[in-house]
Structure formats: C-alpha cells, structure tokens
Protein backbone atom coordinates (compact mmCIF):
# COMPACT_ATOMS: atom_id res chain seq x y z
CA MET A 1 -17.12 13.32 -40.16
CA ARG A 2 -13.43 12.65 -39.46
CA TRP A 3 -13.37 15.47 -36.87
CA VAL A 4 -16.33 13.97 -35.03
CA ILE A 5 -14.64 10.57 -34.85
CA LEU A 6 -11.33 12.14 -33.77
CA THR A 7 -13.09 14.17 -31.04
CA LEU A 8 -14.88 11.07 -29.79
CA LEU A 9 -11.62 9.11 -29.66
CA ILE A 10 -9.83 11.87 -27.74
CA CYS A 11 -12.67 12.20 -25.23
CA SER A 12 -12.84 8.46 -24.70
CA TYR A 13 -9.28 8.66 -23.33
CA GLY A 14 -9.60 11.72 -21.14
CA CYS A 15 -12.83 13.72 -21.18
CA GLY A 16 -14.87 13.35 -18.02
CA SER A 17 -12.30 11.16 -16.31
CA ASP A 18 -11.07 12.61 -13.03
CA LYS A 19 -9.13 9.49 -12.08
CA ILE A 20 -5.46 10.05 -11.40
CA PRO A 21 -3.30 7.58 -13.36
CA THR A 22 -1.95 4.68 -11.32
CA TYR A 23 1.11 2.48 -11.76
CA PRO A 24 1.47 -1.14 -10.57
CA VAL A 25 3.07 -1.55 -7.14
CA SER A 26 3.94 -4.81 -5.40
CA GLY A 27 6.42 -5.72 -2.76
CA ARG A 28 7.16 -7.21 0.61
CA VAL A 29 6.91 -5.96 4.16
CA GLN A 30 9.32 -7.42 6.67
CA PHE A 31 10.97 -6.84 10.00
CA ALA A 32 14.56 -5.56 10.04
CA ASP A 33 15.86 -9.13 10.51
CA GLY A 34 14.14 -10.27 7.29
CA GLU A 35 11.21 -12.10 8.92
CA PRO A 36 8.06 -11.36 6.89
CA VAL A 37 5.09 -9.57 8.37
CA ARG A 38 2.49 -12.30 7.92
CA THR A 39 -0.83 -10.48 8.22
CA GLY A 40 -2.30 -7.01 7.91
CA THR A 41 -2.80 -4.26 5.37
CA ILE A 42 -0.47 -1.78 3.68
CA GLU A 43 -1.94 1.66 3.08
CA LEU A 44 -0.41 4.57 1.19
CA GLU A 45 -1.47 8.21 1.11
CA SER A 46 -0.27 10.33 -1.81
CA LYS A 47 1.26 13.61 -0.63
CA GLU A 48 0.48 15.26 -3.97
CA HIS A 49 -2.96 13.90 -4.84
CA GLY A 50 -4.46 12.87 -1.49
CA THR A 51 -5.41 9.48 -2.96
CA SER A 52 -4.89 6.26 -1.05
CA ALA A 53 -3.85 2.80 -2.14
CA THR A 54 -4.16 -0.39 -0.11
CA GLY A 55 -3.04 -3.99 -0.25
CA THR A 56 -3.47 -7.10 1.85
CA ILE A 57 -0.30 -8.63 3.28
CA GLN A 58 0.06 -12.32 2.44
CA GLU A 59 1.67 -14.89 4.77
CA ASP A 60 5.02 -14.51 2.99
CA GLY A 61 4.96 -10.72 3.50
CA THR A 62 4.11 -9.88 -0.11
CA PHE A 63 1.42 -7.43 -1.19
CA VAL A 64 -0.08 -5.82 -4.30
CA LEU A 65 -1.50 -2.29 -4.08
CA GLY A 66 -4.69 -0.91 -5.56
CA THR A 67 -6.34 2.50 -5.70
CA TYR A 68 -9.48 2.10 -7.85
CA THR A 69 -9.33 -1.71 -8.07
CA THR A 70 -7.52 -4.30 -5.95
CA ASN A 71 -4.38 -4.36 -8.10
CA ASP A 72 -4.14 -1.21 -10.26
CA GLY A 73 -1.34 0.31 -8.18
CA ALA A 74 -0.90 3.85 -6.87
CA ALA A 75 -0.45 7.38 -8.21
CA ALA A 76 3.08 8.44 -9.10
CA GLY A 77 4.95 10.40 -6.44
CA ILE A 78 5.80 10.28 -2.74
CA HIS A 79 3.40 8.49 -0.39
CA ARG A 80 3.24 8.19 3.36
CA ALA A 81 2.86 4.53 4.30
CA ILE A 82 1.35 2.62 7.22
CA VAL A 83 1.03 -1.05 8.16
CA VAL A 84 -2.29 -1.81 9.86
CA GLN A 85 -2.53 -5.04 11.77
CA ILE A 86 -5.42 -6.19 13.93
CA ILE A 87 -4.83 -9.37 15.89
CA ILE A 88 -7.17 -10.18 18.74
CA ALA A 89 -5.05 -11.68 21.50
CA ASP A 90 -7.48 -11.64 24.38
CA GLY A 91 -7.16 -15.36 25.13
CA ILE A 92 -10.84 -15.92 24.33
CA THR A 93 -10.52 -16.17 20.57
CA LYS A 94 -8.98 -19.41 19.31
CA HIS A 95 -6.76 -18.74 16.31
CA THR A 96 -6.41 -21.47 13.71
CA ARG A 97 -3.09 -20.16 12.41
CA ASP A 98 -0.02 -18.39 13.65
CA HIS A 99 -0.13 -14.69 12.72
CA GLY A 100 3.59 -14.17 13.34
CA ARG A 101 5.18 -11.25 15.11
CA ALA A 102 3.08 -8.21 15.85
CA VAL A 103 3.86 -4.95 14.06
CA PRO A 104 4.78 -2.13 16.50
CA PRO A 105 1.82 0.29 16.79
CA LEU A 106 3.82 3.29 15.53
CA TYR A 107 3.60 1.85 11.98
CA GLY A 108 -0.21 1.92 12.06
CA ASP A 109 -0.64 5.71 12.18
CA TYR A 110 0.34 8.30 9.58
CA ASP A 111 1.42 10.71 12.33
CA SER A 112 4.01 8.30 13.74
CA SER A 113 4.99 5.97 10.88
CA PRO A 114 8.43 6.73 9.42
CA LEU A 115 7.59 4.76 6.26
CA SER A 116 7.32 6.30 2.81
CA ILE A 117 7.27 4.98 -0.74
CA GLU A 118 8.02 6.69 -4.02
CA VAL A 119 5.91 5.33 -6.86
CA GLN A 120 7.36 5.95 -10.30
CA ALA A 121 5.45 6.21 -13.59
CA ILE A 122 6.89 2.91 -14.82
CA PRO A 123 5.30 -0.45 -15.76
CA GLN A 124 6.13 -2.09 -12.39
CA ASN A 125 7.25 -0.73 -9.01
CA GLU A 126 8.79 -3.24 -6.58
CA VAL A 127 9.27 -2.10 -2.98
CA ILE A 128 10.50 -3.57 0.28
CA LEU A 129 9.28 -2.04 3.53
CA SER A 130 11.54 -2.86 6.47
CA LEU A 131 10.16 -2.35 9.98
CA SER A 132 12.58 -1.68 12.83
CA GLU A 133 11.67 -2.27 16.43
CA PRO A 134 11.05 1.06 18.18
CA PRO A 135 13.52 1.97 20.92
CA ALA A 136 12.47 0.94 24.42
CA THR A 137 11.20 3.71 26.65
CA ASN A 138 11.81 3.89 30.38
C-alpha cells in the first residue's frame, strides 16, 4: 500500500505534465533617458524551449510576465524580447489619455529587436529593458 501512495505522490508532481517550469519575472521598460514606456505589451520567446511569455506595460513602465497564467513568469534561460505597441494616431480617434512616447518599430519584431532577457531559476527575476532611439537614416 505504501508503494501505491508513493507512486501516486510522485506522479502528482510530474507524470503527465508537459509544462516547462516558470519563474516569476517583473520589471520596467523605459527609454534610454529613463522615461517609462507607458503602454503596450512585452513578449519573450525562449530560445531553448520555444515558449512565450507576455505582460502588459502599466503607465509607470512596469510589467509582470506570464506563460501559462498572467503572472507565473517565464522559463529559465535566454529569451528574445519585443515591445509591441499599438497606438492609433489617425486624428479620427479621440484618446482620453496620453499614451506617452511611441516605441520605435524595430522593438516590435523578433527579427529586428536587439532586446534579450535571461530568466534565472530563482524566486524573483527583476529586469529593466532600456530602449534606445534607432539611428537616423538618410
């Protein structure tokens, strides 16, 4: 009987679960001068596991990442990172709040974003993403 209970306990922790462990990640996204990015989404893509984690950027630039839930974090390892921001500025839509500075488009695509984050297998990961203005092209 003890072996049955032991087997059930072991399987309750790992059998049938194909979820990759995640670790809490929170932080802030800001421009190089320290001004917070005030709207948008942070998205990570794990280079090792192919999983993604996302978080909504708050008005003060802070975010919390989630993979399986909204705040469970991301898999350990190196991740490519993007900042996705959609602000309709066509002059037709009346905005009720100031969205702040726009994020340069290069940060919204994995092929062009220079951002990366290393998530460690620790109780809390704190990160700061700093966005530089891209060089002007002629």
